[in-house]
């Protein structure tokens, strides 16, 4: 759980991160969607690591910044709460928990661009 993010729910803040890799997933409509994995997400104001990793959709904001694997980036995002886990009411399973994420990334800026070898 990303406890540090729980203090900032609802706020839009500036973060820095390292681009680890790109990926793909099947979205809820069944179509393939490109994703991006960010590592060591840090709050710019407090210089505190708020999450060790986060997956994002490879949105237009990331595409316009022309980021590559290994790049250090900065971006604005809103802190939100969400539920994660598995629920099956029929057999009495409920492992749902509260967690926190960053959403709606904007103003993506490449601070340092490095190619991964």
C-alpha atoms as a PDB file:
ATOM      1  CA  UNK A   1       0.000   0.000   0.000  1.00  0.00           C
ATOM      2  CA  UNK A   2       1.196   3.475  -0.811  1.00  0.00           C
ATOM      3  CA  UNK A   3       0.706   5.033   2.630  1.00  0.00           C
ATOM      4  CA  UNK A   4       2.499   8.287   1.810  1.00  0.00           C
ATOM      5  CA  UNK A   5      -0.036   9.005  -0.966  1.00  0.00           C
ATOM      6  CA  UNK A   6      -2.940   8.628   1.478  1.00  0.00           C
ATOM      7  CA  UNK A   7      -2.044  12.010   2.990  1.00  0.00           C
ATOM      8  CA  UNK A   8      -2.576  13.824  -0.328  1.00  0.00           C
ATOM      9  CA  UNK A   9      -5.845  12.320  -1.658  1.00  0.00           C
ATOM     10  CA  UNK A  10      -7.559  14.765  -4.004  1.00  0.00           C
ATOM     11  CA  UNK A  11      -4.504  16.991  -4.485  1.00  0.00           C
ATOM     12  CA  UNK A  12      -2.750  17.625  -7.798  1.00  0.00           C
ATOM     13  CA  UNK A  13       0.992  17.604  -7.235  1.00  0.00           C
ATOM     14  CA  UNK A  14       4.275  17.486  -9.133  1.00  0.00           C
ATOM     15  CA  UNK A  15       6.202  14.199  -9.176  1.00  0.00           C
ATOM     16  CA  UNK A  16       9.428  12.853 -10.642  1.00  0.00           C
ATOM     17  CA  UNK A  17      10.071   9.280 -11.757  1.00  0.00           C
ATOM     18  CA  UNK A  18      12.272   6.980 -13.804  1.00  0.00           C
ATOM     19  CA  UNK A  19      10.808   5.329 -16.915  1.00  0.00           C
ATOM     20  CA  UNK A  20      11.446   1.603 -16.436  1.00  0.00           C
ATOM     21  CA  UNK A  21       9.751   0.044 -19.475  1.00  0.00           C
ATOM     22  CA  UNK A  22       6.796  -0.010 -21.832  1.00  0.00           C
ATOM     23  CA  UNK A  23       4.175  -2.747 -21.989  1.00  0.00           C
ATOM     24  CA  UNK A  24       0.718  -3.688 -23.230  1.00  0.00           C
ATOM     25  CA  UNK A  25      -2.519  -4.814 -21.638  1.00  0.00           C
ATOM     26  CA  UNK A  26      -6.017  -5.676 -22.791  1.00  0.00           C
ATOM     27  CA  UNK A  27      -8.440  -2.958 -21.677  1.00  0.00           C
ATOM     28  CA  UNK A  28     -11.984  -3.532 -20.447  1.00  0.00           C
ATOM     29  CA  UNK A  29     -13.356  -3.327 -24.017  1.00  0.00           C
ATOM     30  CA  UNK A  30     -10.981  -6.071 -25.192  1.00  0.00           C
ATOM     31  CA  UNK A  31      -8.576  -3.834 -27.128  1.00  0.00           C
ATOM     32  CA  UNK A  32      -4.815  -3.749 -26.682  1.00  0.00           C
ATOM     33  CA  UNK A  33      -3.568  -0.677 -24.841  1.00  0.00           C
ATOM     34  CA  UNK A  34       0.027   0.516 -24.440  1.00  0.00           C
ATOM     35  CA  UNK A  35       1.276   1.073 -20.880  1.00  0.00           C
ATOM     36  CA  UNK A  36       4.298   2.571 -19.179  1.00  0.00           C
ATOM     37  CA  UNK A  37       5.971   1.521 -15.916  1.00  0.00           C
ATOM     38  CA  UNK A  38       7.423   4.282 -13.739  1.00  0.00           C
ATOM     39  CA  UNK A  39       9.807   3.526 -10.857  1.00  0.00           C
ATOM     40  CA  UNK A  40      10.778   5.512  -7.750  1.00  0.00           C
ATOM     41  CA  UNK A  41       7.961   8.064  -7.936  1.00  0.00           C
ATOM     42  CA  UNK A  42       9.024  11.027  -5.808  1.00  0.00           C
ATOM     43  CA  UNK A  43       7.059  14.035  -4.559  1.00  0.00           C
ATOM     44  CA  UNK A  44       8.959  17.071  -5.870  1.00  0.00           C
ATOM     45  CA  UNK A  45       8.022  19.270  -2.875  1.00  0.00           C
ATOM     46  CA  UNK A  46       9.038  16.890  -0.070  1.00  0.00           C
ATOM     47  CA  UNK A  47      11.651  14.838  -2.004  1.00  0.00           C
ATOM     48  CA  UNK A  48      10.015  11.726  -0.527  1.00  0.00           C
ATOM     49  CA  UNK A  49       9.476   8.513  -2.504  1.00  0.00           C
ATOM     50  CA  UNK A  50       5.693   7.995  -2.524  1.00  0.00           C
ATOM     51  CA  UNK A  51       5.601   4.760  -4.549  1.00  0.00           C
ATOM     52  CA  UNK A  52       8.190   2.249  -5.694  1.00  0.00           C
ATOM     53  CA  UNK A  53       6.368   1.686  -9.007  1.00  0.00           C
ATOM     54  CA  UNK A  54       3.176   2.659 -10.857  1.00  0.00           C
ATOM     55  CA  UNK A  55       1.706   1.586 -14.183  1.00  0.00           C
ATOM     56  CA  UNK A  56       0.064   4.206 -16.407  1.00  0.00           C
ATOM     57  CA  UNK A  57      -1.668   4.095 -19.762  1.00  0.00           C
ATOM     58  CA  UNK A  58       0.743   5.457 -22.369  1.00  0.00           C
ATOM     59  CA  UNK A  59      -1.410   8.539 -22.818  1.00  0.00           C
ATOM     60  CA  UNK A  60      -0.982  11.473 -25.180  1.00  0.00           C
ATOM     61  CA  UNK A  61       0.809  13.447 -22.446  1.00  0.00           C
ATOM     62  CA  UNK A  62       3.560  10.798 -22.282  1.00  0.00           C
ATOM     63  CA  UNK A  63       3.668  10.393 -26.076  1.00  0.00           C
ATOM     64  CA  UNK A  64       4.163  14.127 -26.698  1.00  0.00           C
ATOM     65  CA  UNK A  65       7.119  14.193 -24.281  1.00  0.00           C
ATOM     66  CA  UNK A  66       8.919  11.593 -26.444  1.00  0.00           C
ATOM     67  CA  UNK A  67      10.139   9.625 -23.455  1.00  0.00           C
ATOM     68  CA  UNK A  68      12.370   6.578 -23.716  1.00  0.00           C
ATOM     69  CA  UNK A  69      13.295   3.772 -21.323  1.00  0.00           C
ATOM     70  CA  UNK A  70      15.717   5.068 -18.713  1.00  0.00           C
ATOM     71  CA  UNK A  71      14.484   8.676 -18.932  1.00  0.00           C
ATOM     72  CA  UNK A  72      13.965  10.736 -15.792  1.00  0.00           C
ATOM     73  CA  UNK A  73      10.699  12.634 -16.034  1.00  0.00           C
ATOM     74  CA  UNK A  74       8.573  15.095 -14.098  1.00  0.00           C
ATOM     75  CA  UNK A  75       4.784  15.292 -14.302  1.00  0.00           C
ATOM     76  CA  UNK A  76       1.686  16.580 -12.530  1.00  0.00           C
ATOM     77  CA  UNK A  77      -0.921  14.071 -11.331  1.00  0.00           C
ATOM     78  CA  UNK A  78      -3.882  13.841  -8.981  1.00  0.00           C
ATOM     79  CA  UNK A  79      -3.753  11.461  -6.003  1.00  0.00           C
ATOM     80  CA  UNK A  80      -6.793   9.168  -5.882  1.00  0.00           C
ATOM     81  CA  UNK A  81      -8.034   6.296  -3.761  1.00  0.00           C
ATOM     82  CA  UNK A  82      -9.205   3.035  -5.332  1.00  0.00           C
ATOM     83  CA  UNK A  83     -10.246  -0.472  -4.291  1.00  0.00           C
ATOM     84  CA  UNK A  84      -8.214  -3.489  -5.329  1.00  0.00           C
ATOM     85  CA  UNK A  85      -8.617  -7.192  -4.715  1.00  0.00           C
ATOM     86  CA  UNK A  86     -10.888 -10.101  -5.522  1.00  0.00           C
ATOM     87  CA  UNK A  87     -14.565 -10.435  -4.566  1.00  0.00           C
ATOM     88  CA  UNK A  88     -16.759 -13.517  -5.025  1.00  0.00           C
ATOM     89  CA  UNK A  89     -19.943 -13.127  -2.976  1.00  0.00           C
ATOM     90  CA  UNK A  90     -21.229 -16.571  -3.953  1.00  0.00           C
ATOM     91  CA  UNK A  91     -18.480 -18.398  -2.060  1.00  0.00           C
ATOM     92  CA  UNK A  92     -17.784 -15.668   0.490  1.00  0.00           C
ATOM     93  CA  UNK A  93     -14.424 -14.319  -0.717  1.00  0.00           C
ATOM     94  CA  UNK A  94     -13.668 -10.646  -0.258  1.00  0.00           C
ATOM     95  CA  UNK A  95      -9.995  -9.619  -0.374  1.00  0.00           C
ATOM     96  CA  UNK A  96     -10.765  -6.044  -1.433  1.00  0.00           C
ATOM     97  CA  UNK A  97      -8.452  -3.402   0.057  1.00  0.00           C
ATOM     98  CA  UNK A  98      -8.017   0.330  -0.250  1.00  0.00           C
ATOM     99  CA  UNK A  99      -4.970   1.603  -2.156  1.00  0.00           C
ATOM    100  CA  UNK A 100      -3.835   4.857  -3.743  1.00  0.00           C
ATOM    101  CA  UNK A 101      -2.799   5.832  -7.257  1.00  0.00           C
ATOM    102  CA  UNK A 102      -1.822   8.800  -9.389  1.00  0.00           C
ATOM    103  CA  UNK A 103      -4.214   9.681 -12.185  1.00  0.00           C
ATOM    104  CA  UNK A 104      -4.549  12.164 -15.030  1.00  0.00           C
ATOM    105  CA  UNK A 105      -0.840  12.818 -15.640  1.00  0.00           C
ATOM    106  CA  UNK A 106      -0.168  16.155 -17.375  1.00  0.00           C
ATOM    107  CA  UNK A 107       2.760  18.508 -18.056  1.00  0.00           C
ATOM    108  CA  UNK A 108       5.147  15.600 -18.654  1.00  0.00           C
ATOM    109  CA  UNK A 109       8.713  16.832 -19.014  1.00  0.00           C
ATOM    110  CA  UNK A 110      11.850  14.809 -19.740  1.00  0.00           C
ATOM    111  CA  UNK A 111      14.513  15.925 -17.250  1.00  0.00           C
ATOM    112  CA  UNK A 112      17.256  13.524 -18.312  1.00  0.00           C
ATOM    113  CA  UNK A 113      17.161  11.120 -21.218  1.00  0.00           C
ATOM    114  CA  UNK A 114      19.207   7.926 -21.105  1.00  0.00           C
ATOM    115  CA  UNK A 115      19.095   4.852 -23.251  1.00  0.00           C
ATOM    116  CA  UNK A 116      18.958   1.555 -21.376  1.00  0.00           C
ATOM    117  CA  UNK A 117      21.571  -0.984 -22.388  1.00  0.00           C
END
